[in-house]
Amino acid sequence: MTRKIVLVEDEASIRQFTKINLEREGFKVIEAETGEIGVEKIRENNPEIVILDIMLPGIDGYEVCKIVRKEFPKIGIIMLTAKAQDVDKIMGLESGTDDYMVKPFNPKELVLRIQSLIRRLDSSVKNKDEIVNGPFKLNRYSRTFFKNDKEIELTPTELSIINLFIANPGKAFSRNELLDLTWGPDYVGESKIVDVNIRRIRAKIEDDPSHPEYLETVWGIGYRWKEK
């Protein structure tokens, strides 16, 4: 099956270079040069992956990400930025992106990031069972997650993290373990991506995210799902 990628990038040279390299790897790439066109192309094509620049004419990448997350929560999103400041990375992660890369980037590394994200998208389909833990229910086949029978929309990365925790209640995972198991052992980004995703998950599942009842911090180690 050919995977579809919508590439939203206003710089034509970067867009064409990225498209050529991705098509060599067998992906079908749909181009968009503005945020508005990007949203339109995503709605038309329903891709598995969106590669999204932050600085775009019209609506910027952050806003596009928020729109896509609301309408297509299971699409994988990788954000591109020419800025290396932590605040830009964190803003991108907070808006719902699964990963980020700083320009200029190695196209081979981008391919590895895409493949890692696709594995996250596909991993839950291999197990058709359902896990129930307290008020939560995770259906690995449909890739849906519920609290008190109300569905909670999770990104592919958030779903992978929840799957790890809820299948291993009481086990403390270090940040490095979560990076290896979720983003893959070849991931070269920063470990703060784990903390941002944990914060996003808590905001969705906890009654009081500042005092988490389910997804606990294990000081000096990482995080664990509290056994009930």
N, C-alpha and C. Protein backbone atom coordinates (compact mmCIF):
# COMPACT_ATOMS: atom_id res chain seq x y z
N MET A 1 0.84 -1.20 0.00
CA MET A 1 0.00 0.00 0.00
C MET A 1 0.88 1.25 0.00
N THR A 2 0.63 2.17 -0.92
CA THR A 2 1.38 3.41 -1.00
C THR A 2 0.87 4.38 0.07
N ARG A 3 1.77 4.87 0.90
CA ARG A 3 1.41 5.81 1.96
C ARG A 3 1.35 7.22 1.38
N LYS A 4 0.31 7.96 1.76
CA LYS A 4 0.14 9.32 1.29
C LYS A 4 0.68 10.31 2.32
N ILE A 5 1.42 11.29 1.83
CA ILE A 5 1.96 12.35 2.66
C ILE A 5 1.56 13.69 2.06
N VAL A 6 0.99 14.57 2.88
CA VAL A 6 0.78 15.95 2.46
C VAL A 6 1.93 16.78 3.00
N LEU A 7 2.65 17.44 2.09
CA LEU A 7 3.82 18.24 2.43
C LEU A 7 3.44 19.72 2.31
N VAL A 8 3.39 20.40 3.46
CA VAL A 8 2.99 21.81 3.48
C VAL A 8 4.24 22.65 3.74
N GLU A 9 4.75 23.26 2.70
CA GLU A 9 6.02 24.01 2.75
C GLU A 9 5.98 25.11 1.71
N ASP A 10 6.23 26.36 2.12
CA ASP A 10 6.10 27.47 1.18
C ASP A 10 7.35 27.68 0.32
N GLU A 11 8.50 27.19 0.76
CA GLU A 11 9.73 27.35 -0.04
C GLU A 11 9.78 26.24 -1.10
N ALA A 12 9.67 26.65 -2.36
CA ALA A 12 9.55 25.69 -3.46
C ALA A 12 10.75 24.75 -3.55
N SER A 13 11.96 25.28 -3.32
CA SER A 13 13.16 24.45 -3.44
C SER A 13 13.17 23.34 -2.39
N ILE A 14 12.81 23.70 -1.15
CA ILE A 14 12.76 22.69 -0.07
C ILE A 14 11.65 21.69 -0.35
N ARG A 15 10.51 22.20 -0.82
CA ARG A 15 9.37 21.33 -1.09
C ARG A 15 9.70 20.31 -2.18
N GLN A 16 10.33 20.77 -3.25
CA GLN A 16 10.65 19.86 -4.35
C GLN A 16 11.74 18.86 -3.95
N PHE A 17 12.75 19.33 -3.22
CA PHE A 17 13.82 18.44 -2.77
C PHE A 17 13.26 17.36 -1.85
N THR A 18 12.38 17.77 -0.93
CA THR A 18 11.79 16.80 0.01
C THR A 18 10.88 15.82 -0.71
N LYS A 19 10.09 16.34 -1.65
CA LYS A 19 9.18 15.48 -2.40
C LYS A 19 9.95 14.41 -3.18
N ILE A 20 11.02 14.82 -3.86
CA ILE A 20 11.82 13.87 -4.66
C ILE A 20 12.35 12.75 -3.79
N ASN A 21 12.90 13.12 -2.63
CA ASN A 21 13.48 12.12 -1.73
C ASN A 21 12.42 11.19 -1.15
N LEU A 22 11.25 11.71 -0.84
CA LEU A 22 10.19 10.86 -0.29
C LEU A 22 9.60 9.94 -1.35
N GLU A 23 9.47 10.45 -2.58
CA GLU A 23 8.94 9.60 -3.66
C GLU A 23 9.91 8.47 -4.00
N ARG A 24 11.19 8.71 -3.83
CA ARG A 24 12.17 7.64 -4.03
C ARG A 24 11.97 6.50 -3.03
N GLU A 25 11.41 6.83 -1.87
CA GLU A 25 11.15 5.82 -0.84
C GLU A 25 9.77 5.19 -0.99
N GLY A 26 9.04 5.56 -2.05
CA GLY A 26 7.76 4.92 -2.33
C GLY A 26 6.54 5.63 -1.80
N PHE A 27 6.71 6.84 -1.25
CA PHE A 27 5.56 7.58 -0.74
C PHE A 27 4.89 8.38 -1.86
N LYS A 28 3.59 8.57 -1.74
CA LYS A 28 2.89 9.49 -2.63
C LYS A 28 2.82 10.83 -1.92
N VAL A 29 3.36 11.87 -2.55
CA VAL A 29 3.48 13.17 -1.90
C VAL A 29 2.55 14.18 -2.57
N ILE A 30 1.70 14.80 -1.78
CA ILE A 30 0.80 15.86 -2.25
C ILE A 30 1.32 17.17 -1.69
N GLU A 31 1.58 18.14 -2.57
CA GLU A 31 2.20 19.39 -2.16
C GLU A 31 1.18 20.47 -1.83
N ALA A 32 1.58 21.36 -0.91
CA ALA A 32 0.80 22.56 -0.60
C ALA A 32 1.77 23.65 -0.18
N GLU A 33 1.56 24.86 -0.71
CA GLU A 33 2.51 25.95 -0.42
C GLU A 33 2.00 26.94 0.62
N THR A 34 0.75 26.81 1.05
CA THR A 34 0.22 27.67 2.12
C THR A 34 -0.54 26.81 3.12
N GLY A 35 -0.79 27.40 4.29
CA GLY A 35 -1.54 26.68 5.31
C GLY A 35 -2.95 26.36 4.86
N GLU A 36 -3.60 27.33 4.20
CA GLU A 36 -4.97 27.11 3.75
C GLU A 36 -5.05 25.99 2.71
N ILE A 37 -4.11 26.00 1.76
CA ILE A 37 -4.10 24.94 0.75
C ILE A 37 -3.78 23.60 1.42
N GLY A 38 -2.89 23.63 2.41
CA GLY A 38 -2.55 22.41 3.13
C GLY A 38 -3.76 21.77 3.78
N VAL A 39 -4.57 22.58 4.46
CA VAL A 39 -5.78 22.06 5.09
C VAL A 39 -6.71 21.47 4.04
N GLU A 40 -6.84 22.16 2.92
CA GLU A 40 -7.70 21.68 1.82
C GLU A 40 -7.20 20.33 1.29
N LYS A 41 -5.88 20.22 1.06
CA LYS A 41 -5.31 18.98 0.53
C LYS A 41 -5.46 17.82 1.53
N ILE A 42 -5.32 18.12 2.80
CA ILE A 42 -5.48 17.09 3.83
C ILE A 42 -6.92 16.59 3.85
N ARG A 43 -7.86 17.50 3.76
CA ARG A 43 -9.28 17.11 3.74
C ARG A 43 -9.60 16.29 2.49
N GLU A 44 -9.00 16.63 1.38
CA GLU A 44 -9.28 15.93 0.12
C GLU A 44 -8.65 14.53 0.08
N ASN A 45 -7.46 14.39 0.66
CA ASN A 45 -6.67 13.17 0.46
C ASN A 45 -6.60 12.25 1.67
N ASN A 46 -6.94 12.77 2.86
CA ASN A 46 -6.89 11.97 4.09
C ASN A 46 -5.58 11.16 4.19
N PRO A 47 -4.44 11.85 4.25
CA PRO A 47 -3.14 11.16 4.25
C PRO A 47 -2.85 10.49 5.59
N GLU A 48 -1.85 9.60 5.58
CA GLU A 48 -1.40 9.02 6.84
C GLU A 48 -0.50 9.99 7.59
N ILE A 49 0.30 10.77 6.84
CA ILE A 49 1.29 11.66 7.43
C ILE A 49 1.16 13.07 6.84
N VAL A 50 1.36 14.08 7.69
CA VAL A 50 1.47 15.47 7.24
C VAL A 50 2.84 15.99 7.68
N ILE A 51 3.58 16.56 6.73
CA ILE A 51 4.84 17.24 7.04
C ILE A 51 4.55 18.73 6.92
N LEU A 52 4.77 19.46 7.99
CA LEU A 52 4.19 20.79 8.13
C LEU A 52 5.24 21.81 8.56
N ASP A 53 5.48 22.81 7.72
CA ASP A 53 6.38 23.90 8.09
C ASP A 53 5.65 24.83 9.06
N ILE A 54 6.41 25.47 9.96
CA ILE A 54 5.79 26.41 10.90
C ILE A 54 5.49 27.74 10.22
N MET A 55 6.51 28.30 9.57
CA MET A 55 6.37 29.63 8.98
C MET A 55 5.75 29.52 7.59
N LEU A 56 4.46 29.81 7.50
CA LEU A 56 3.73 29.71 6.24
C LEU A 56 2.99 31.01 5.97
N PRO A 57 2.79 31.35 4.69
CA PRO A 57 1.92 32.50 4.40
C PRO A 57 0.47 32.15 4.75
N GLY A 58 -0.26 33.14 5.20
CA GLY A 58 -1.63 32.87 5.66
C GLY A 58 -1.59 32.28 7.05
N ILE A 59 -2.37 31.26 7.30
CA ILE A 59 -2.35 30.64 8.62
C ILE A 59 -1.06 29.86 8.79
N ASP A 60 -0.46 29.94 9.98
CA ASP A 60 0.84 29.30 10.17
C ASP A 60 0.68 27.82 10.52
N GLY A 61 1.84 27.14 10.66
CA GLY A 61 1.83 25.71 10.92
C GLY A 61 1.16 25.32 12.22
N TYR A 62 1.28 26.16 13.25
CA TYR A 62 0.64 25.85 14.52
C TYR A 62 -0.88 25.76 14.34
N GLU A 63 -1.43 26.73 13.61
CA GLU A 63 -2.89 26.75 13.41
C GLU A 63 -3.34 25.59 12.53
N VAL A 64 -2.56 25.28 11.48
CA VAL A 64 -2.88 24.13 10.64
C VAL A 64 -2.90 22.86 11.47
N CYS A 65 -1.91 22.71 12.34
CA CYS A 65 -1.82 21.53 13.20
C CYS A 65 -3.05 21.39 14.08
N LYS A 66 -3.50 22.50 14.66
CA LYS A 66 -4.68 22.47 15.52
C LYS A 66 -5.92 22.06 14.74
N ILE A 67 -6.06 22.59 13.52
CA ILE A 67 -7.21 22.24 12.68
C ILE A 67 -7.19 20.76 12.34
N VAL A 68 -6.01 20.26 11.92
CA VAL A 68 -5.89 18.85 11.53
C VAL A 68 -6.15 17.95 12.72
N ARG A 69 -5.59 18.31 13.89
CA ARG A 69 -5.80 17.48 15.08
C ARG A 69 -7.28 17.39 15.46
N LYS A 70 -8.01 18.48 15.26
CA LYS A 70 -9.43 18.48 15.59
C LYS A 70 -10.23 17.62 14.62
N GLU A 71 -9.89 17.69 13.34
CA GLU A 71 -10.66 16.99 12.32
C GLU A 71 -10.14 15.57 12.05
N PHE A 72 -8.83 15.38 12.18
CA PHE A 72 -8.22 14.08 11.87
C PHE A 72 -7.23 13.69 12.98
N PRO A 73 -7.72 13.31 14.15
CA PRO A 73 -6.82 13.08 15.29
C PRO A 73 -5.82 11.95 15.09
N LYS A 74 -6.08 11.06 14.15
CA LYS A 74 -5.19 9.89 13.99
C LYS A 74 -4.13 10.08 12.90
N ILE A 75 -4.11 11.23 12.25
CA ILE A 75 -3.06 11.51 11.26
C ILE A 75 -1.75 11.82 12.00
N GLY A 76 -0.64 11.30 11.47
CA GLY A 76 0.67 11.60 12.04
C GLY A 76 1.19 12.93 11.49
N ILE A 77 1.74 13.77 12.38
CA ILE A 77 2.21 15.10 11.97
C ILE A 77 3.66 15.29 12.40
N ILE A 78 4.49 15.67 11.42
CA ILE A 78 5.88 16.05 11.70
C ILE A 78 6.02 17.52 11.32
N MET A 79 6.48 18.33 12.27
CA MET A 79 6.60 19.77 12.04
C MET A 79 8.04 20.13 11.69
N LEU A 80 8.18 21.00 10.69
CA LEU A 80 9.49 21.51 10.27
C LEU A 80 9.64 22.95 10.72
N THR A 81 10.81 23.29 11.24
CA THR A 81 11.05 24.67 11.65
C THR A 81 12.47 25.08 11.34
N ALA A 82 12.63 26.33 10.93
CA ALA A 82 13.97 26.87 10.71
C ALA A 82 14.55 27.41 12.00
N LYS A 83 13.74 27.40 13.04
CA LYS A 83 14.18 27.95 14.31
C LYS A 83 14.56 26.81 15.24
N ALA A 84 15.64 27.01 15.99
CA ALA A 84 16.11 25.96 16.89
C ALA A 84 15.73 26.23 18.34
N GLN A 85 15.03 27.34 18.60
CA GLN A 85 14.68 27.68 19.98
C GLN A 85 13.72 26.65 20.56
N ASP A 86 13.93 26.35 21.84
CA ASP A 86 13.08 25.38 22.52
C ASP A 86 11.62 25.77 22.47
N VAL A 87 11.33 27.08 22.56
CA VAL A 87 9.93 27.52 22.61
C VAL A 87 9.19 27.12 21.35
N ASP A 88 9.87 27.15 20.19
CA ASP A 88 9.21 26.77 18.94
C ASP A 88 8.89 25.28 18.91
N LYS A 89 9.85 24.49 19.41
CA LYS A 89 9.62 23.04 19.46
C LYS A 89 8.46 22.73 20.39
N ILE A 90 8.46 23.36 21.57
CA ILE A 90 7.42 23.07 22.55
C ILE A 90 6.06 23.54 22.05
N MET A 91 6.01 24.71 21.41
CA MET A 91 4.74 25.19 20.85
C MET A 91 4.20 24.21 19.82
N GLY A 92 5.11 23.68 18.99
CA GLY A 92 4.68 22.70 18.00
C GLY A 92 4.14 21.45 18.64
N LEU A 93 4.82 20.96 19.67
CA LEU A 93 4.37 19.75 20.36
C LEU A 93 3.05 20.00 21.09
N GLU A 94 2.93 21.18 21.69
CA GLU A 94 1.71 21.49 22.42
C GLU A 94 0.51 21.60 21.47
N SER A 95 0.76 22.01 20.23
CA SER A 95 -0.35 22.15 19.28
C SER A 95 -0.78 20.81 18.70
N GLY A 96 0.00 19.74 19.01
CA GLY A 96 -0.46 18.40 18.64
C GLY A 96 0.42 17.65 17.67
N THR A 97 1.60 18.17 17.34
CA THR A 97 2.47 17.45 16.41
C THR A 97 3.10 16.24 17.10
N ASP A 98 3.42 15.21 16.32
CA ASP A 98 4.02 13.99 16.86
C ASP A 98 5.54 14.09 16.95
N ASP A 99 6.13 14.88 16.07
CA ASP A 99 7.59 14.98 16.04
C ASP A 99 7.93 16.31 15.37
N TYR A 100 9.19 16.72 15.46
CA TYR A 100 9.63 17.94 14.81
C TYR A 100 11.05 17.74 14.29
N MET A 101 11.39 18.53 13.27
CA MET A 101 12.74 18.54 12.72
C MET A 101 13.13 19.97 12.43
N VAL A 102 14.40 20.30 12.69
CA VAL A 102 14.91 21.65 12.47
C VAL A 102 15.61 21.71 11.11
N LYS A 103 15.27 22.70 10.30
CA LYS A 103 15.93 22.90 9.02
C LYS A 103 17.31 23.52 9.24
N PRO A 104 18.28 23.21 8.39
CA PRO A 104 18.22 22.20 7.31
C PRO A 104 18.31 20.80 7.90
N PHE A 105 17.62 19.87 7.27
CA PHE A 105 17.59 18.50 7.79
C PHE A 105 18.08 17.52 6.73
N ASN A 106 18.53 16.39 7.20
CA ASN A 106 18.96 15.31 6.31
C ASN A 106 17.72 14.55 5.84
N PRO A 107 17.49 14.44 4.53
CA PRO A 107 16.28 13.75 4.05
C PRO A 107 16.20 12.30 4.52
N LYS A 108 17.36 11.65 4.72
CA LYS A 108 17.35 10.28 5.21
C LYS A 108 16.80 10.22 6.63
N GLU A 109 17.15 11.23 7.43
CA GLU A 109 16.63 11.27 8.79
C GLU A 109 15.12 11.51 8.78
N LEU A 110 14.66 12.36 7.87
CA LEU A 110 13.22 12.59 7.75
C LEU A 110 12.50 11.28 7.42
N VAL A 111 13.06 10.51 6.51
CA VAL A 111 12.46 9.22 6.15
C VAL A 111 12.39 8.30 7.36
N LEU A 112 13.46 8.27 8.16
CA LEU A 112 13.47 7.45 9.38
C LEU A 112 12.39 7.90 10.35
N ARG A 113 12.22 9.21 10.48
CA ARG A 113 11.18 9.73 11.38
C ARG A 113 9.79 9.33 10.88
N ILE A 114 9.60 9.42 9.57
CA ILE A 114 8.30 9.04 8.99
C ILE A 114 8.04 7.55 9.21
N GLN A 115 9.04 6.72 8.96
CA GLN A 115 8.88 5.28 9.15
C GLN A 115 8.57 4.93 10.60
N SER A 116 9.22 5.63 11.54
CA SER A 116 8.96 5.42 12.96
C SER A 116 7.52 5.79 13.29
N LEU A 117 7.05 6.91 12.74
CA LEU A 117 5.68 7.34 13.00
C LEU A 117 4.67 6.38 12.39
N ILE A 118 4.97 5.86 11.20
CA ILE A 118 4.08 4.88 10.58
C ILE A 118 4.00 3.61 11.42
N ARG A 119 5.12 3.20 12.00
CA ARG A 119 5.09 2.02 12.89
C ARG A 119 4.17 2.27 14.07
N ARG A 120 4.18 3.50 14.58
CA ARG A 120 3.26 3.83 15.68
C ARG A 120 1.81 3.77 15.21
N LEU A 121 1.57 4.25 13.99
CA LEU A 121 0.22 4.22 13.44
C LEU A 121 -0.28 2.78 13.26
N ASP A 122 0.65 1.88 12.88
CA ASP A 122 0.28 0.52 12.54
C ASP A 122 0.31 -0.45 13.72
N SER A 123 1.08 -0.12 14.75
CA SER A 123 1.40 -1.11 15.78
C SER A 123 0.17 -1.66 16.48
N SER A 124 -0.81 -0.82 16.76
CA SER A 124 -1.95 -1.29 17.53
C SER A 124 -2.86 -2.21 16.75
N VAL A 125 -2.74 -2.22 15.40
CA VAL A 125 -3.65 -3.06 14.64
C VAL A 125 -3.29 -4.53 14.75
N LYS A 126 -2.07 -4.82 15.20
CA LYS A 126 -1.63 -6.20 15.27
C LYS A 126 -2.31 -6.95 16.40
N ASN A 127 -2.78 -6.24 17.40
CA ASN A 127 -3.43 -6.86 18.54
C ASN A 127 -4.89 -6.44 18.57
N LYS A 128 -5.78 -7.41 18.40
CA LYS A 128 -7.19 -7.07 18.29
C LYS A 128 -7.90 -7.14 19.64
N ASP A 129 -7.12 -7.18 20.70
CA ASP A 129 -7.75 -7.27 22.01
C ASP A 129 -8.04 -5.89 22.56
N GLU A 130 -8.75 -5.89 23.66
CA GLU A 130 -9.18 -4.68 24.32
C GLU A 130 -8.65 -4.73 25.75
N ILE A 131 -8.13 -3.60 26.22
CA ILE A 131 -7.62 -3.53 27.59
C ILE A 131 -8.52 -2.60 28.39
N VAL A 132 -8.97 -3.07 29.54
CA VAL A 132 -9.79 -2.26 30.44
C VAL A 132 -9.00 -2.05 31.72
N ASN A 133 -8.91 -0.80 32.14
CA ASN A 133 -8.18 -0.47 33.36
C ASN A 133 -8.93 0.64 34.07
N GLY A 134 -9.58 0.31 35.18
CA GLY A 134 -10.39 1.30 35.88
C GLY A 134 -11.45 1.88 34.96
N PRO A 135 -11.53 3.21 34.85
CA PRO A 135 -12.54 3.82 33.98
C PRO A 135 -12.12 3.86 32.51
N PHE A 136 -10.94 3.33 32.21
CA PHE A 136 -10.40 3.43 30.86
C PHE A 136 -10.56 2.14 30.06
N LYS A 137 -10.72 2.31 28.76
CA LYS A 137 -10.80 1.17 27.85
C LYS A 137 -10.02 1.52 26.59
N LEU A 138 -9.06 0.66 26.24
CA LEU A 138 -8.26 0.85 25.04
C LEU A 138 -8.56 -0.27 24.06
N ASN A 139 -9.06 0.09 22.88
CA ASN A 139 -9.30 -0.88 21.82
C ASN A 139 -8.16 -0.76 20.81
N ARG A 140 -7.29 -1.76 20.79
CA ARG A 140 -6.11 -1.69 19.93
C ARG A 140 -6.45 -1.85 18.45
N TYR A 141 -7.53 -2.54 18.16
CA TYR A 141 -7.90 -2.77 16.76
C TYR A 141 -8.42 -1.48 16.11
N SER A 142 -9.33 -0.81 16.81
CA SER A 142 -9.90 0.42 16.26
C SER A 142 -9.08 1.65 16.62
N ARG A 143 -8.04 1.45 17.49
CA ARG A 143 -7.19 2.54 17.95
C ARG A 143 -8.03 3.65 18.57
N THR A 144 -8.87 3.23 19.51
CA THR A 144 -9.72 4.18 20.23
C THR A 144 -9.50 4.02 21.72
N PHE A 145 -9.72 5.10 22.44
CA PHE A 145 -9.48 5.12 23.88
C PHE A 145 -10.64 5.84 24.56
N PHE A 146 -11.14 5.24 25.63
CA PHE A 146 -12.33 5.76 26.30
C PHE A 146 -12.09 5.93 27.79
N LYS A 147 -12.72 6.93 28.35
CA LYS A 147 -12.79 7.09 29.80
C LYS A 147 -14.27 7.20 30.16
N ASN A 148 -14.73 6.28 31.02
CA ASN A 148 -16.15 6.22 31.38
C ASN A 148 -17.03 6.21 30.13
N ASP A 149 -16.62 5.40 29.15
CA ASP A 149 -17.34 5.20 27.89
C ASP A 149 -17.41 6.44 26.99
N LYS A 150 -16.64 7.46 27.33
CA LYS A 150 -16.57 8.65 26.47
C LYS A 150 -15.22 8.64 25.77
N GLU A 151 -15.25 8.70 24.43
CA GLU A 151 -13.99 8.60 23.69
C GLU A 151 -13.11 9.83 23.91
N ILE A 152 -11.83 9.57 24.10
CA ILE A 152 -10.81 10.61 24.22
C ILE A 152 -9.95 10.56 22.96
N GLU A 153 -9.91 11.66 22.24
CA GLU A 153 -9.13 11.70 21.01
C GLU A 153 -7.64 11.81 21.35
N LEU A 154 -6.85 10.86 20.85
CA LEU A 154 -5.41 10.86 21.08
C LEU A 154 -4.67 10.89 19.75
N THR A 155 -3.51 11.54 19.74
CA THR A 155 -2.66 11.49 18.56
C THR A 155 -2.04 10.10 18.47
N PRO A 156 -1.48 9.71 17.31
CA PRO A 156 -0.83 8.40 17.22
C PRO A 156 0.25 8.19 18.27
N THR A 157 1.03 9.23 18.55
CA THR A 157 2.08 9.11 19.56
C THR A 157 1.49 8.96 20.95
N GLU A 158 0.49 9.76 21.27
CA GLU A 158 -0.17 9.65 22.57
C GLU A 158 -0.77 8.26 22.75
N LEU A 159 -1.36 7.72 21.69
CA LEU A 159 -1.97 6.39 21.78
C LEU A 159 -0.91 5.33 22.04
N SER A 160 0.25 5.46 21.39
CA SER A 160 1.34 4.50 21.62
C SER A 160 1.82 4.55 23.06
N ILE A 161 1.91 5.75 23.61
CA ILE A 161 2.36 5.90 25.00
C ILE A 161 1.33 5.31 25.95
N ILE A 162 0.06 5.63 25.73
CA ILE A 162 -1.01 5.08 26.57
C ILE A 162 -1.01 3.56 26.50
N ASN A 163 -0.80 3.02 25.32
CA ASN A 163 -0.77 1.56 25.14
C ASN A 163 0.32 0.94 26.01
N LEU A 164 1.50 1.57 26.03
CA LEU A 164 2.59 1.06 26.87
C LEU A 164 2.21 1.07 28.35
N PHE A 165 1.67 2.18 28.78
CA PHE A 165 1.37 2.32 30.21
C PHE A 165 0.23 1.41 30.66
N ILE A 166 -0.87 1.43 29.92
CA ILE A 166 -2.06 0.72 30.37
C ILE A 166 -1.87 -0.79 30.28
N ALA A 167 -0.95 -1.23 29.38
CA ALA A 167 -0.65 -2.66 29.29
C ALA A 167 0.36 -3.10 30.35
N ASN A 168 1.00 -2.13 31.00
CA ASN A 168 2.01 -2.44 32.03
C ASN A 168 1.78 -1.60 33.28
N PRO A 169 0.61 -1.73 33.92
CA PRO A 169 0.32 -0.89 35.09
C PRO A 169 1.33 -1.15 36.21
N GLY A 170 1.79 -0.07 36.81
CA GLY A 170 2.73 -0.17 37.91
C GLY A 170 4.18 -0.14 37.48
N LYS A 171 4.45 -0.34 36.18
CA LYS A 171 5.84 -0.34 35.70
C LYS A 171 6.31 1.09 35.46
N ALA A 172 7.46 1.43 36.02
CA ALA A 172 8.05 2.75 35.81
C ALA A 172 8.89 2.74 34.54
N PHE A 173 8.56 3.60 33.61
CA PHE A 173 9.32 3.74 32.37
C PHE A 173 10.19 4.99 32.46
N SER A 174 11.47 4.85 32.15
CA SER A 174 12.34 6.01 32.08
C SER A 174 12.05 6.78 30.79
N ARG A 175 12.51 8.01 30.73
CA ARG A 175 12.33 8.80 29.51
C ARG A 175 13.03 8.12 28.33
N ASN A 176 14.21 7.58 28.56
CA ASN A 176 14.93 6.91 27.47
C ASN A 176 14.18 5.66 26.99
N GLU A 177 13.57 4.93 27.92
CA GLU A 177 12.78 3.76 27.51
C GLU A 177 11.60 4.20 26.66
N LEU A 178 10.92 5.26 27.08
CA LEU A 178 9.77 5.75 26.32
C LEU A 178 10.20 6.25 24.95
N LEU A 179 11.36 6.90 24.87
CA LEU A 179 11.88 7.32 23.57
C LEU A 179 12.13 6.12 22.67
N ASP A 180 12.81 5.10 23.20
CA ASP A 180 13.14 3.91 22.39
C ASP A 180 11.90 3.16 21.95
N LEU A 181 10.94 3.00 22.87
CA LEU A 181 9.76 2.19 22.58
C LEU A 181 8.73 2.92 21.73
N THR A 182 8.73 4.24 21.79
CA THR A 182 7.72 5.01 21.06
C THR A 182 8.29 5.63 19.79
N TRP A 183 9.42 6.31 19.91
CA TRP A 183 10.01 6.99 18.75
C TRP A 183 11.03 6.12 18.03
N GLY A 184 11.51 5.08 18.70
CA GLY A 184 12.47 4.17 18.08
C GLY A 184 13.89 4.44 18.55
N PRO A 185 14.74 3.41 18.54
CA PRO A 185 16.12 3.55 19.05
C PRO A 185 16.99 4.49 18.24
N ASP A 186 16.59 4.79 17.01
CA ASP A 186 17.39 5.69 16.16
C ASP A 186 17.00 7.16 16.32
N TYR A 187 16.04 7.44 17.20
CA TYR A 187 15.59 8.82 17.37
C TYR A 187 16.72 9.69 17.92
N VAL A 188 16.93 10.87 17.31
CA VAL A 188 18.05 11.72 17.73
C VAL A 188 17.57 13.05 18.31
N GLY A 189 16.28 13.15 18.58
CA GLY A 189 15.74 14.38 19.16
C GLY A 189 16.00 14.44 20.66
N GLU A 190 15.32 15.37 21.31
CA GLU A 190 15.53 15.60 22.73
C GLU A 190 14.48 14.87 23.55
N SER A 191 14.86 14.52 24.79
CA SER A 191 13.95 13.75 25.64
C SER A 191 12.77 14.57 26.12
N LYS A 192 12.83 15.90 26.00
CA LYS A 192 11.70 16.71 26.45
C LYS A 192 10.43 16.44 25.64
N ILE A 193 10.59 15.80 24.46
CA ILE A 193 9.41 15.43 23.69
C ILE A 193 8.53 14.46 24.48
N VAL A 194 9.16 13.64 25.34
CA VAL A 194 8.40 12.72 26.20
C VAL A 194 7.57 13.51 27.19
N ASP A 195 8.19 14.48 27.86
CA ASP A 195 7.49 15.26 28.89
C ASP A 195 6.31 16.04 28.31
N VAL A 196 6.50 16.59 27.11
CA VAL A 196 5.41 17.35 26.49
C VAL A 196 4.25 16.43 26.16
N ASN A 197 4.53 15.23 25.67
CA ASN A 197 3.45 14.28 25.36
C ASN A 197 2.75 13.82 26.63
N ILE A 198 3.50 13.60 27.71
CA ILE A 198 2.88 13.22 28.98
C ILE A 198 1.95 14.33 29.46
N ARG A 199 2.41 15.56 29.33
CA ARG A 199 1.57 16.70 29.74
C ARG A 199 0.30 16.78 28.91
N ARG A 200 0.42 16.53 27.61
CA ARG A 200 -0.77 16.54 26.75
C ARG A 200 -1.74 15.43 27.14
N ILE A 201 -1.20 14.24 27.42
CA ILE A 201 -2.06 13.11 27.79
C ILE A 201 -2.78 13.41 29.10
N ARG A 202 -2.04 13.93 30.08
CA ARG A 202 -2.67 14.25 31.37
C ARG A 202 -3.80 15.26 31.21
N ALA A 203 -3.60 16.23 30.33
CA ALA A 203 -4.65 17.24 30.12
C ALA A 203 -5.92 16.61 29.57
N LYS A 204 -5.78 15.46 28.90
CA LYS A 204 -6.94 14.79 28.30
C LYS A 204 -7.60 13.77 29.22
N ILE A 205 -6.80 13.13 30.11
CA ILE A 205 -7.36 12.00 30.86
C ILE A 205 -7.55 12.26 32.35
N GLU A 206 -6.86 13.25 32.89
CA GLU A 206 -6.91 13.49 34.33
C GLU A 206 -7.98 14.52 34.67
N ASP A 207 -8.66 14.32 35.80
CA ASP A 207 -9.61 15.33 36.27
C ASP A 207 -8.88 16.60 36.69
N ASP A 208 -7.70 16.43 37.29
CA ASP A 208 -6.86 17.55 37.69
C ASP A 208 -5.43 17.25 37.22
N PRO A 209 -5.05 17.71 36.02
CA PRO A 209 -3.74 17.37 35.47
C PRO A 209 -2.56 17.76 36.36
N SER A 210 -2.74 18.80 37.20
CA SER A 210 -1.65 19.21 38.07
C SER A 210 -1.47 18.25 39.25
N HIS A 211 -2.47 17.42 39.51
CA HIS A 211 -2.38 16.38 40.54
C HIS A 211 -2.86 15.06 39.92
N PRO A 212 -2.03 14.46 39.06
CA PRO A 212 -2.47 13.28 38.30
C PRO A 212 -2.81 12.09 39.18
N GLU A 213 -3.92 11.46 38.86
CA GLU A 213 -4.37 10.29 39.60
C GLU A 213 -3.94 9.00 38.92
N TYR A 214 -3.73 9.04 37.62
CA TYR A 214 -3.45 7.81 36.86
C TYR A 214 -2.02 7.76 36.32
N LEU A 215 -1.58 8.81 35.66
CA LEU A 215 -0.26 8.83 35.03
C LEU A 215 0.70 9.57 35.96
N GLU A 216 1.42 8.80 36.75
CA GLU A 216 2.23 9.36 37.82
C GLU A 216 3.66 9.68 37.37
N THR A 217 4.25 10.67 38.01
CA THR A 217 5.68 10.94 37.85
C THR A 217 6.45 10.11 38.88
N VAL A 218 7.48 9.43 38.42
CA VAL A 218 8.38 8.72 39.32
C VAL A 218 9.67 9.54 39.34
N TRP A 219 9.85 10.30 40.39
CA TRP A 219 10.93 11.27 40.45
C TRP A 219 12.29 10.61 40.27
N GLY A 220 13.08 11.20 39.39
CA GLY A 220 14.41 10.68 39.11
C GLY A 220 14.43 9.55 38.10
N ILE A 221 13.25 9.09 37.69
CA ILE A 221 13.18 7.97 36.74
C ILE A 221 12.37 8.36 35.51
N GLY A 222 11.08 8.55 35.67
CA GLY A 222 10.21 8.85 34.53
C GLY A 222 8.76 8.85 34.94
N TYR A 223 8.00 7.90 34.38
CA TYR A 223 6.55 7.88 34.60
C TYR A 223 6.04 6.45 34.72
N ARG A 224 4.87 6.29 35.35
CA ARG A 224 4.22 4.99 35.41
C ARG A 224 2.70 5.19 35.48
N TRP A 225 2.00 4.13 35.07
CA TRP A 225 0.54 4.08 35.20
C TRP A 225 0.21 3.47 36.54
N LYS A 226 -0.54 4.17 37.34
CA LYS A 226 -0.81 3.71 38.70
C LYS A 226 -1.70 2.48 38.68
N GLU A 227 -1.26 1.45 39.40
CA GLU A 227 -2.06 0.24 39.50
C GLU A 227 -3.30 0.51 40.33
N LYS A 228 -4.42 -0.04 39.88
CA LYS A 228 -5.69 0.12 40.61
C LYS A 228 -6.11 -1.20 41.23
